[in-house]
């Protein structure tokens, strides 16, 4: 019996603990009675930790959200600045390239004005359409180009000859093309040696001379013409102790694959088979007739 009584008391206590405060609050609200200060103070003390915890959680969530938003904004801003910097860099390089090309063209045109016999031409690198050590230029027979005309770099370096002329384009074969053989002058003008040079390919040419001929790396090789055109420089010398001859490797100071423009000398005809440069002279047909008795 006592056990049943205790069980009943516990049930009543469990029911009254939450209900009594609610009933008291309802009575105060309905009767508009003044709430004692100890009650409000106690409630405030109980609620203050809860409010502080709520504010702390809210602030933490706000700060976390702001942090993620700030990082996202900074990442977007960083990407935009990188893109802008890349664009400015491209514009800078483009401007520099155009400026250099403009200066180069000015110098080229100034030289053409001083030497009207020179025709300026743009180099067309045909890739698969161009055999090794050959390239196309953008002028042809309609512009006055003829086969065997000498082709120069803007720096006055002899590069090759026109080997095939079309209406508005022409094919240039470099002197370094494999198998080509022609006469050159080796060394300084006052002590130059007449010899033969052979194209080896890849911008390289070979000269074989007796081992007692005095030559040095860096000596120039020129074409035997009225106008002195440098063909290349001696890059290296190869000789064995038992050989009576030594091999000179000659390289052109100009790289055709980096050339943008060349000059065609319309007054010089160069034949690789008969290596002799001569001035082009237009003879009158009537004059030729007078030579015949």
Protein backbone atom coordinates (compact mmCIF):
# COMPACT_ATOMS: atom_id res chain seq x y z
CA UNK A 1 0.00 0.00 0.00
CA UNK A 2 2.77 2.40 0.88
CA UNK A 3 4.42 1.71 -2.46
CA UNK A 4 1.22 2.56 -4.32
CA UNK A 5 0.84 5.77 -2.31
CA UNK A 6 4.37 6.91 -3.14
CA UNK A 7 3.82 6.13 -6.80
CA UNK A 8 0.64 8.25 -6.82
CA UNK A 9 2.39 11.15 -5.07
CA UNK A 10 5.20 11.11 -7.62
CA UNK A 11 2.75 11.25 -10.50
CA UNK A 12 0.95 14.23 -8.93
CA UNK A 13 4.28 15.97 -8.28
CA UNK A 14 5.43 15.38 -11.83
CA UNK A 15 2.20 16.89 -13.10
CA UNK A 16 2.15 19.92 -10.81
CA UNK A 17 5.81 20.99 -11.30
CA UNK A 18 5.31 22.28 -14.85
CA UNK A 19 1.64 23.20 -14.46
CA UNK A 20 1.81 25.39 -11.33
CA UNK A 21 4.16 28.04 -12.80
CA UNK A 22 1.97 28.24 -15.87
CA UNK A 23 -1.17 28.69 -13.76
CA UNK A 24 0.50 31.40 -11.68
CA UNK A 25 1.55 33.24 -14.84
CA UNK A 26 -1.98 33.00 -16.25
CA UNK A 27 -3.47 34.35 -13.01
CA UNK A 28 -1.11 37.32 -13.04
CA UNK A 29 -1.90 38.05 -16.67
CA UNK A 30 -5.69 37.80 -16.20
CA UNK A 31 -5.79 39.82 -13.02
CA UNK A 32 -3.15 42.30 -14.24
CA UNK A 33 -1.54 41.97 -10.85
CA UNK A 34 1.91 43.32 -10.29
CA UNK A 35 4.57 40.64 -10.49
CA UNK A 36 6.90 40.62 -7.49
CA UNK A 37 10.39 41.82 -8.22
CA UNK A 38 12.01 38.62 -6.98
CA UNK A 39 10.07 36.71 -9.62
CA UNK A 40 11.13 39.00 -12.47
CA UNK A 41 14.69 39.08 -11.20
CA UNK A 42 14.81 35.33 -10.97
CA UNK A 43 13.32 34.92 -14.42
CA UNK A 44 15.78 37.43 -15.82
CA UNK A 45 18.70 35.61 -14.20
CA UNK A 46 17.48 32.32 -15.62
CA UNK A 47 16.90 33.75 -19.10
CA UNK A 48 20.15 35.75 -19.35
CA UNK A 49 22.39 32.71 -20.03
CA UNK A 50 19.95 31.51 -22.66
CA UNK A 51 19.91 34.89 -24.35
CA UNK A 52 23.72 35.08 -24.23
CA UNK A 53 24.01 31.61 -25.72
CA UNK A 54 21.52 32.55 -28.45
CA UNK A 55 23.46 35.75 -29.27
CA UNK A 56 26.76 33.87 -29.32
CA UNK A 57 25.37 31.24 -31.69
CA UNK A 58 23.85 33.93 -33.92
CA UNK A 59 27.11 35.93 -34.00
CA UNK A 60 29.13 32.81 -34.79
CA UNK A 61 26.79 31.89 -37.63
CA UNK A 62 26.88 35.47 -38.95
CA UNK A 63 30.68 35.60 -38.81
CA UNK A 64 31.01 32.21 -40.52
CA UNK A 65 28.61 33.24 -43.27
CA UNK A 66 30.42 36.56 -43.71
CA UNK A 67 33.78 34.75 -43.83
CA UNK A 68 32.62 32.41 -46.60
CA UNK A 69 31.07 35.32 -48.48
CA UNK A 70 34.27 37.36 -48.14
CA UNK A 71 36.43 34.47 -49.37
CA UNK A 72 34.16 33.93 -52.36
CA UNK A 73 34.20 37.63 -53.15
CA UNK A 74 37.99 37.78 -52.84
CA UNK A 75 38.38 34.72 -55.10
CA UNK A 76 36.15 36.30 -57.73
CA UNK A 77 38.02 39.58 -57.44
CA UNK A 78 41.38 37.79 -57.71
CA UNK A 79 40.26 35.91 -60.84
CA UNK A 80 39.01 39.14 -62.42
CA UNK A 81 42.32 40.91 -61.67
CA UNK A 82 44.32 38.01 -63.12
CA UNK A 83 42.26 38.11 -66.29
CA UNK A 84 42.72 41.87 -66.55
CA UNK A 85 46.49 41.52 -66.01
CA UNK A 86 46.68 38.82 -68.70
CA UNK A 87 44.80 41.04 -71.13
CA UNK A 88 47.09 43.99 -70.39
CA UNK A 89 50.15 41.75 -70.85
CA UNK A 90 48.87 40.59 -74.23
CA UNK A 91 48.19 44.15 -75.30
CA UNK A 92 51.69 45.18 -74.17
CA UNK A 93 53.38 42.40 -76.15
CA UNK A 94 51.22 43.15 -79.18
CA UNK A 95 52.11 46.84 -78.99
CA UNK A 96 55.82 46.06 -78.67
CA UNK A 97 55.70 43.64 -81.61
CA UNK A 98 53.86 46.14 -83.78
CA UNK A 99 56.29 48.90 -82.80
CA UNK A 100 59.33 46.77 -83.66
CA UNK A 101 57.78 45.68 -86.94
CA UNK A 102 56.95 49.28 -87.78
CA UNK A 103 60.55 50.35 -87.12
CA UNK A 104 61.83 47.41 -89.17
CA UNK A 105 59.57 48.31 -92.09
CA UNK A 106 60.64 51.96 -91.92
CA UNK A 107 64.31 50.94 -92.15
CA UNK A 108 63.51 48.55 -94.98
CA UNK A 109 61.60 51.17 -96.96
CA UNK A 110 64.34 53.73 -96.35
CA UNK A 111 66.88 51.33 -97.82
CA UNK A 112 64.62 50.56 -100.79
CA UNK A 113 64.20 54.29 -101.43
CA UNK A 114 67.99 54.65 -101.49
CA UNK A 115 68.40 51.56 -103.71
CA UNK A 116 65.48 51.27 -106.12
CA UNK A 117 66.96 48.09 -107.61
CA UNK A 118 65.97 46.25 -104.41
CA UNK A 119 62.46 44.81 -104.18
CA UNK A 120 61.09 44.25 -100.65
CA UNK A 121 59.24 40.99 -100.08
CA UNK A 122 57.53 39.27 -97.18
CA UNK A 123 58.67 35.76 -96.31
CA UNK A 124 56.00 33.08 -96.44
CA UNK A 125 56.99 29.97 -94.55
CA UNK A 126 54.99 27.27 -96.27
CA UNK A 127 55.56 24.51 -93.70
CA UNK A 128 54.78 21.25 -95.49
CA UNK A 129 54.85 23.03 -98.85
CA UNK A 130 58.47 24.23 -98.40
CA UNK A 131 61.36 21.76 -98.72
CA UNK A 132 64.30 22.14 -96.40
CA UNK A 133 66.25 25.41 -96.85
CA UNK A 134 63.65 26.88 -99.21
CA UNK A 135 60.83 29.36 -98.62
CA UNK A 136 58.26 31.42 -100.48
CA UNK A 137 58.12 35.19 -100.93
CA UNK A 138 55.00 37.21 -101.72
CA UNK A 139 56.18 38.83 -104.98
CA UNK A 140 56.66 37.27 -108.39
CA UNK A 141 57.07 37.98 -112.08
CA UNK A 142 54.36 40.63 -112.08
CA UNK A 143 56.43 42.62 -109.58
CA UNK A 144 59.68 42.23 -111.56
CA UNK A 145 61.13 39.08 -109.99
CA UNK A 146 63.05 36.69 -112.26
CA UNK A 147 64.74 33.34 -111.74
CA UNK A 148 68.33 33.39 -110.42
CA UNK A 149 67.99 36.84 -108.83
CA UNK A 150 69.94 37.24 -105.60
CA UNK A 151 67.94 37.36 -102.35
CA UNK A 152 69.32 39.33 -99.38
CA UNK A 153 68.36 39.82 -95.77
CA UNK A 154 67.66 43.38 -94.56
CA UNK A 155 71.16 43.27 -93.00
CA UNK A 156 72.74 42.77 -96.47
CA UNK A 157 73.46 39.06 -95.97
CA UNK A 158 73.30 36.92 -99.13
CA UNK A 159 70.68 34.31 -98.39
CA UNK A 160 69.93 32.50 -101.65
CA UNK A 161 68.50 32.84 -105.14
CA UNK A 162 65.09 32.77 -106.76
CA UNK A 163 64.68 29.28 -108.21
CA UNK A 164 61.09 29.44 -109.43
CA UNK A 165 58.98 32.48 -110.26
CA UNK A 166 55.20 32.58 -110.40
CA UNK A 167 52.96 35.58 -111.06
CA UNK A 168 52.71 36.86 -107.50
CA UNK A 169 54.97 34.49 -105.56
CA UNK A 170 58.41 32.99 -105.92
CA UNK A 171 60.46 30.20 -104.38
CA UNK A 172 63.82 31.04 -102.86
CA UNK A 173 66.47 28.37 -102.36
CA UNK A 174 69.11 29.18 -99.78
CA UNK A 175 72.79 28.77 -100.52
CA UNK A 176 72.91 26.27 -97.66
CA UNK A 177 70.54 23.85 -99.42
CA UNK A 178 72.14 20.41 -99.64
CA UNK A 179 74.12 19.70 -102.79
CA UNK A 180 74.58 23.26 -104.05
CA UNK A 181 78.15 24.13 -105.03
CA UNK A 182 79.50 27.56 -106.00
CA UNK A 183 82.55 29.79 -105.70
CA UNK A 184 83.16 32.09 -102.73
CA UNK A 185 85.84 34.31 -101.27
CA UNK A 186 87.30 33.19 -97.96
CA UNK A 187 88.76 35.70 -95.51
CA UNK A 188 89.39 39.45 -95.70
CA UNK A 189 89.25 41.25 -99.04
CA UNK A 190 93.01 41.94 -99.22
CA UNK A 191 93.98 38.35 -98.38
CA UNK A 192 90.92 36.52 -99.64
CA UNK A 193 91.16 33.00 -101.04
CA UNK A 194 89.01 31.77 -103.90
CA UNK A 195 87.47 28.43 -103.02
CA UNK A 196 84.35 26.33 -103.45
CA UNK A 197 81.55 25.96 -100.92
CA UNK A 198 78.91 23.23 -100.75
CA UNK A 199 75.49 23.41 -99.15
CA UNK A 200 75.06 20.92 -96.33
CA UNK A 201 71.48 21.70 -95.30
CA UNK A 202 70.01 23.20 -92.16
CA UNK A 203 71.67 26.56 -92.74
CA UNK A 204 75.17 25.01 -92.83
CA UNK A 205 77.74 25.07 -95.66
CA UNK A 206 81.08 23.28 -95.98
CA UNK A 207 84.44 24.41 -97.36
CA UNK A 208 87.44 22.11 -97.80
CA UNK A 209 90.84 23.82 -97.99
CA UNK A 210 94.47 22.72 -97.53
CA UNK A 211 95.39 22.57 -93.89
CA UNK A 212 98.11 25.21 -94.28
CA UNK A 213 95.57 27.87 -95.34
CA UNK A 214 95.29 30.26 -92.42
CA UNK A 215 91.67 30.71 -91.38
CA UNK A 216 90.00 31.31 -88.04
CA UNK A 217 86.58 30.89 -86.56
CA UNK A 218 84.55 34.00 -87.22
CA UNK A 219 86.20 34.78 -90.57
CA UNK A 220 83.73 35.92 -93.20
CA UNK A 221 82.79 34.18 -96.44
CA UNK A 222 81.58 36.42 -99.28
CA UNK A 223 80.27 36.08 -102.80
CA UNK A 224 82.67 37.03 -105.61
CA UNK A 225 80.59 39.84 -107.10
CA UNK A 226 80.94 43.54 -107.79
CA UNK A 227 78.99 44.22 -104.62
CA UNK A 228 80.43 42.50 -101.56
CA UNK A 229 77.72 40.38 -99.99
CA UNK A 230 78.54 38.37 -96.90
CA UNK A 231 77.40 34.77 -97.20
CA UNK A 232 78.29 33.50 -93.75
CA UNK A 233 80.88 33.13 -91.01
CA UNK A 234 83.15 30.22 -90.18
CA UNK A 235 81.48 28.56 -87.20
CA UNK A 236 83.99 25.75 -86.62
CA UNK A 237 87.06 24.09 -88.14
CA UNK A 238 87.59 20.34 -88.30
CA UNK A 239 90.97 18.79 -89.11
CA UNK A 240 92.65 15.50 -88.25
CA UNK A 241 96.45 15.20 -87.73
CA UNK A 242 96.82 12.82 -90.67
CA UNK A 243 94.65 14.86 -93.10
CA UNK A 244 96.10 17.20 -95.71
CA UNK A 245 92.85 19.17 -95.81
CA UNK A 246 90.58 20.72 -93.22
CA UNK A 247 86.83 21.25 -93.26
CA UNK A 248 85.30 24.62 -92.48
CA UNK A 249 81.70 24.76 -91.28
CA UNK A 250 80.06 27.99 -92.40
CA UNK A 251 76.82 29.31 -90.93
CA UNK A 252 74.72 32.22 -92.10
CA UNK A 253 74.30 34.90 -89.41
CA UNK A 254 70.62 35.10 -90.37
CA UNK A 255 68.03 32.46 -89.53
CA UNK A 256 65.58 32.17 -92.41
CA UNK A 257 62.94 30.76 -90.09
CA UNK A 258 62.94 34.00 -88.13
CA UNK A 259 62.94 36.31 -91.14
CA UNK A 260 59.88 38.41 -91.85
CA UNK A 261 61.15 40.30 -94.90
CA UNK A 262 63.86 39.97 -97.53
CA UNK A 263 65.16 42.02 -100.45
CA UNK A 264 65.45 40.84 -104.05
CA UNK A 265 68.37 42.37 -105.94
CA UNK A 266 67.05 42.82 -109.48
CA UNK A 267 70.50 43.75 -110.84
CA UNK A 268 72.33 40.58 -109.79
CA UNK A 269 71.88 37.20 -111.40
CA UNK A 270 73.50 34.28 -109.64
CA UNK A 271 73.90 30.84 -111.10
CA UNK A 272 74.81 28.04 -108.74
CA UNK A 273 75.90 25.84 -111.65
CA UNK A 274 78.05 28.68 -113.08
CA UNK A 275 78.86 30.64 -109.89
CA UNK A 276 79.38 34.13 -111.15
CA UNK A 277 77.48 37.29 -110.22
CA UNK A 278 76.96 39.75 -113.02
CA UNK A 279 75.08 42.97 -113.50
CA UNK A 280 71.89 42.68 -115.56
CA UNK A 281 72.22 44.76 -118.71
CA UNK A 282 69.37 45.18 -121.17
CA UNK A 283 70.92 45.07 -124.64
CA UNK A 284 69.18 46.55 -127.65
CA UNK A 285 68.23 44.02 -130.29
CA UNK A 286 69.46 46.34 -133.04
CA UNK A 287 72.88 46.56 -131.35
CA UNK A 288 73.07 42.79 -131.28
CA UNK A 289 72.27 42.79 -134.97
CA UNK A 290 75.20 45.09 -135.77
CA UNK A 291 77.63 42.59 -134.28
CA UNK A 292 76.69 40.10 -136.93
CA UNK A 293 78.45 40.75 -140.31
